[in-house]
Amino acid sequence: MKANVIIKLKSAVHDPQGETIGHALAGLEYDQVTSVRQGKIFELTLDVSSKEEAASMAREIAERVLSNPVLEVFEVEVED
């Protein structure tokens, strides 16, 4: 099974990379883009028997290894 862990900065955390991308987009005349926030996606391939087990393991990995709970939040999506 595959699980995607999507990690984003908390809304209160300053995002200079997102701001830089936003300025670049404005310079390319994408004026409709009003905000950019950067993040990361980790794709995990798990040898488990159920979606529930995959989601649980991916959440545990995200909490313990992949994310910084002070600065980031995460979501888990599981595919068959």
N, C-alpha and C. Protein backbone atom coordinates (compact mmCIF):
# COMPACT_ATOMS: atom_id res chain seq x y z
N MET A 1 0.83 -1.18 0.00
CA MET A 1 0.00 0.00 0.00
C MET A 1 0.87 1.24 0.00
N LYS A 2 0.33 2.31 -0.57
CA LYS A 2 1.06 3.57 -0.58
C LYS A 2 0.35 4.56 0.34
N ALA A 3 1.16 5.29 1.07
CA ALA A 3 0.65 6.36 1.91
C ALA A 3 1.44 7.62 1.58
N ASN A 4 0.72 8.70 1.36
CA ASN A 4 1.36 9.99 1.14
C ASN A 4 1.25 10.80 2.42
N VAL A 5 2.38 11.32 2.86
CA VAL A 5 2.41 12.22 4.02
C VAL A 5 2.69 13.62 3.47
N ILE A 6 1.73 14.51 3.66
CA ILE A 6 1.83 15.88 3.18
C ILE A 6 2.13 16.77 4.37
N ILE A 7 3.25 17.46 4.32
CA ILE A 7 3.69 18.29 5.44
C ILE A 7 3.68 19.75 5.00
N LYS A 8 3.05 20.58 5.83
CA LYS A 8 2.96 22.02 5.55
C LYS A 8 3.41 22.78 6.79
N LEU A 9 3.90 23.99 6.56
CA LEU A 9 4.20 24.85 7.68
C LEU A 9 2.91 25.30 8.34
N LYS A 10 2.92 25.45 9.65
CA LYS A 10 1.76 26.02 10.34
C LYS A 10 1.52 27.43 9.81
N SER A 11 0.27 27.86 9.83
CA SER A 11 -0.08 29.15 9.25
C SER A 11 0.64 30.32 9.93
N ALA A 12 0.98 30.19 11.19
CA ALA A 12 1.65 31.28 11.91
C ALA A 12 3.16 31.34 11.64
N VAL A 13 3.70 30.33 10.95
CA VAL A 13 5.14 30.27 10.70
C VAL A 13 5.46 31.03 9.42
N HIS A 14 6.45 31.92 9.51
CA HIS A 14 6.91 32.69 8.36
C HIS A 14 7.48 31.75 7.29
N ASP A 15 7.15 31.98 6.03
CA ASP A 15 7.57 31.11 4.93
C ASP A 15 8.32 31.92 3.87
N PRO A 16 9.62 32.16 4.07
CA PRO A 16 10.37 32.96 3.09
C PRO A 16 10.46 32.30 1.72
N GLN A 17 10.52 30.97 1.66
CA GLN A 17 10.57 30.30 0.36
C GLN A 17 9.25 30.52 -0.41
N GLY A 18 8.14 30.40 0.27
CA GLY A 18 6.85 30.66 -0.36
C GLY A 18 6.75 32.10 -0.83
N GLU A 19 7.23 33.04 -0.03
CA GLU A 19 7.19 34.45 -0.43
C GLU A 19 8.04 34.69 -1.67
N THR A 20 9.22 34.08 -1.73
CA THR A 20 10.10 34.23 -2.89
C THR A 20 9.43 33.70 -4.15
N ILE A 21 8.79 32.54 -4.04
CA ILE A 21 8.07 31.98 -5.18
C ILE A 21 6.93 32.90 -5.58
N GLY A 22 6.21 33.44 -4.60
CA GLY A 22 5.12 34.37 -4.88
C GLY A 22 5.60 35.60 -5.63
N HIS A 23 6.74 36.16 -5.23
CA HIS A 23 7.30 37.33 -5.93
C HIS A 23 7.71 36.96 -7.36
N ALA A 24 8.29 35.78 -7.53
CA ALA A 24 8.68 35.32 -8.87
C ALA A 24 7.44 35.17 -9.76
N LEU A 25 6.38 34.61 -9.22
CA LEU A 25 5.15 34.46 -10.00
C LEU A 25 4.56 35.82 -10.39
N ALA A 26 4.60 36.77 -9.47
CA ALA A 26 4.11 38.12 -9.78
C ALA A 26 4.94 38.73 -10.90
N GLY A 27 6.26 38.50 -10.87
CA GLY A 27 7.14 39.00 -11.92
C GLY A 27 6.87 38.36 -13.27
N LEU A 28 6.30 37.17 -13.25
CA LEU A 28 5.93 36.48 -14.49
C LEU A 28 4.47 36.75 -14.87
N GLU A 29 3.88 37.74 -14.21
CA GLU A 29 2.53 38.23 -14.49
C GLU A 29 1.43 37.25 -14.11
N TYR A 30 1.68 36.43 -13.11
CA TYR A 30 0.62 35.59 -12.53
C TYR A 30 0.03 36.35 -11.34
N ASP A 31 -0.62 37.46 -11.65
CA ASP A 31 -1.13 38.36 -10.62
C ASP A 31 -2.29 37.77 -9.82
N GLN A 32 -2.91 36.72 -10.34
CA GLN A 32 -4.03 36.10 -9.64
C GLN A 32 -3.57 35.29 -8.43
N VAL A 33 -2.28 34.95 -8.36
CA VAL A 33 -1.75 34.20 -7.21
C VAL A 33 -1.52 35.20 -6.08
N THR A 34 -2.26 35.02 -4.99
CA THR A 34 -2.17 35.99 -3.90
C THR A 34 -1.30 35.49 -2.74
N SER A 35 -1.01 34.19 -2.71
CA SER A 35 -0.21 33.65 -1.62
C SER A 35 0.37 32.30 -2.04
N VAL A 36 1.59 32.02 -1.58
CA VAL A 36 2.23 30.72 -1.83
C VAL A 36 2.82 30.24 -0.51
N ARG A 37 2.55 28.99 -0.17
CA ARG A 37 3.16 28.34 1.00
C ARG A 37 3.83 27.07 0.50
N GLN A 38 5.05 26.82 0.93
CA GLN A 38 5.75 25.62 0.50
C GLN A 38 5.50 24.48 1.47
N GLY A 39 5.72 23.27 0.98
CA GLY A 39 5.55 22.08 1.81
C GLY A 39 6.33 20.92 1.23
N LYS A 40 6.08 19.72 1.74
CA LYS A 40 6.77 18.53 1.27
C LYS A 40 5.78 17.37 1.21
N ILE A 41 6.05 16.43 0.31
CA ILE A 41 5.27 15.21 0.24
C ILE A 41 6.24 14.03 0.31
N PHE A 42 5.92 13.08 1.18
CA PHE A 42 6.68 11.84 1.28
C PHE A 42 5.74 10.71 0.84
N GLU A 43 6.18 9.89 -0.09
CA GLU A 43 5.41 8.74 -0.53
C GLU A 43 6.01 7.50 0.10
N LEU A 44 5.24 6.84 0.95
CA LEU A 44 5.70 5.64 1.64
C LEU A 44 5.03 4.42 1.01
N THR A 45 5.81 3.40 0.72
CA THR A 45 5.26 2.11 0.30
C THR A 45 5.33 1.19 1.50
N LEU A 46 4.19 0.70 1.94
CA LEU A 46 4.10 -0.06 3.19
C LEU A 46 3.60 -1.47 2.93
N ASP A 47 4.23 -2.43 3.55
CA ASP A 47 3.82 -3.83 3.44
C ASP A 47 2.91 -4.15 4.62
N VAL A 48 1.64 -3.73 4.50
CA VAL A 48 0.64 -3.94 5.55
C VAL A 48 -0.62 -4.49 4.90
N SER A 49 -1.54 -4.97 5.72
CA SER A 49 -2.71 -5.66 5.18
C SER A 49 -3.97 -4.81 5.06
N SER A 50 -3.99 -3.61 5.64
CA SER A 50 -5.21 -2.81 5.57
C SER A 50 -4.89 -1.32 5.45
N LYS A 51 -5.87 -0.57 4.94
CA LYS A 51 -5.72 0.88 4.84
C LYS A 51 -5.58 1.51 6.22
N GLU A 52 -6.31 0.96 7.19
CA GLU A 52 -6.24 1.49 8.55
C GLU A 52 -4.83 1.34 9.13
N GLU A 53 -4.24 0.17 8.91
CA GLU A 53 -2.87 -0.07 9.40
C GLU A 53 -1.88 0.84 8.69
N ALA A 54 -2.07 1.03 7.39
CA ALA A 54 -1.19 1.92 6.63
C ALA A 54 -1.31 3.35 7.14
N ALA A 55 -2.53 3.81 7.38
CA ALA A 55 -2.73 5.17 7.87
C ALA A 55 -2.12 5.35 9.25
N SER A 56 -2.30 4.37 10.12
CA SER A 56 -1.75 4.44 11.46
C SER A 56 -0.22 4.49 11.44
N MET A 57 0.38 3.62 10.63
CA MET A 57 1.84 3.59 10.55
C MET A 57 2.38 4.89 9.94
N ALA A 58 1.72 5.39 8.90
CA ALA A 58 2.17 6.63 8.26
C ALA A 58 2.06 7.81 9.23
N ARG A 59 0.98 7.86 10.01
CA ARG A 59 0.84 8.94 11.01
C ARG A 59 1.97 8.86 12.05
N GLU A 60 2.25 7.65 12.52
CA GLU A 60 3.31 7.48 13.51
C GLU A 60 4.67 7.91 12.94
N ILE A 61 4.95 7.52 11.70
CA ILE A 61 6.22 7.91 11.05
C ILE A 61 6.28 9.42 10.89
N ALA A 62 5.16 10.02 10.48
CA ALA A 62 5.13 11.48 10.30
C ALA A 62 5.39 12.19 11.61
N GLU A 63 4.76 11.72 12.68
CA GLU A 63 4.94 12.35 14.00
C GLU A 63 6.35 12.18 14.53
N ARG A 64 6.92 10.97 14.38
CA ARG A 64 8.21 10.66 14.99
C ARG A 64 9.41 11.08 14.16
N VAL A 65 9.26 11.10 12.81
CA VAL A 65 10.44 11.27 11.96
C VAL A 65 10.31 12.42 10.95
N LEU A 66 9.20 12.49 10.25
CA LEU A 66 9.13 13.36 9.08
C LEU A 66 8.77 14.81 9.36
N SER A 67 8.05 15.08 10.43
CA SER A 67 7.60 16.45 10.68
C SER A 67 8.18 17.01 11.97
N ASN A 68 8.19 18.32 12.02
CA ASN A 68 8.58 19.05 13.22
C ASN A 68 7.30 19.64 13.80
N PRO A 69 6.78 19.08 14.88
CA PRO A 69 5.47 19.52 15.39
C PRO A 69 5.42 20.97 15.87
N VAL A 70 6.56 21.57 16.10
CA VAL A 70 6.59 22.97 16.51
C VAL A 70 6.26 23.87 15.32
N LEU A 71 6.73 23.48 14.13
CA LEU A 71 6.58 24.33 12.95
C LEU A 71 5.60 23.82 11.91
N GLU A 72 5.32 22.51 11.92
CA GLU A 72 4.60 21.91 10.81
C GLU A 72 3.36 21.13 11.24
N VAL A 73 2.46 20.96 10.30
CA VAL A 73 1.30 20.07 10.42
C VAL A 73 1.39 19.08 9.28
N PHE A 74 0.68 17.95 9.42
CA PHE A 74 0.73 16.98 8.32
C PHE A 74 -0.63 16.33 8.11
N GLU A 75 -0.79 15.78 6.92
CA GLU A 75 -1.97 14.99 6.54
C GLU A 75 -1.46 13.67 5.98
N VAL A 76 -2.26 12.63 6.12
CA VAL A 76 -1.93 11.32 5.57
C VAL A 76 -3.03 10.91 4.61
N GLU A 77 -2.64 10.49 3.40
CA GLU A 77 -3.57 9.95 2.42
C GLU A 77 -3.10 8.54 2.07
N VAL A 78 -4.00 7.57 2.09
CA VAL A 78 -3.64 6.18 1.80
C VAL A 78 -4.30 5.75 0.50
N GLU A 79 -3.51 5.12 -0.37
CA GLU A 79 -4.00 4.56 -1.63
C GLU A 79 -3.90 3.04 -1.55
N ASP A 80 -4.78 2.36 -2.28
CA ASP A 80 -4.70 0.89 -2.36
C ASP A 80 -3.52 0.49 -3.21
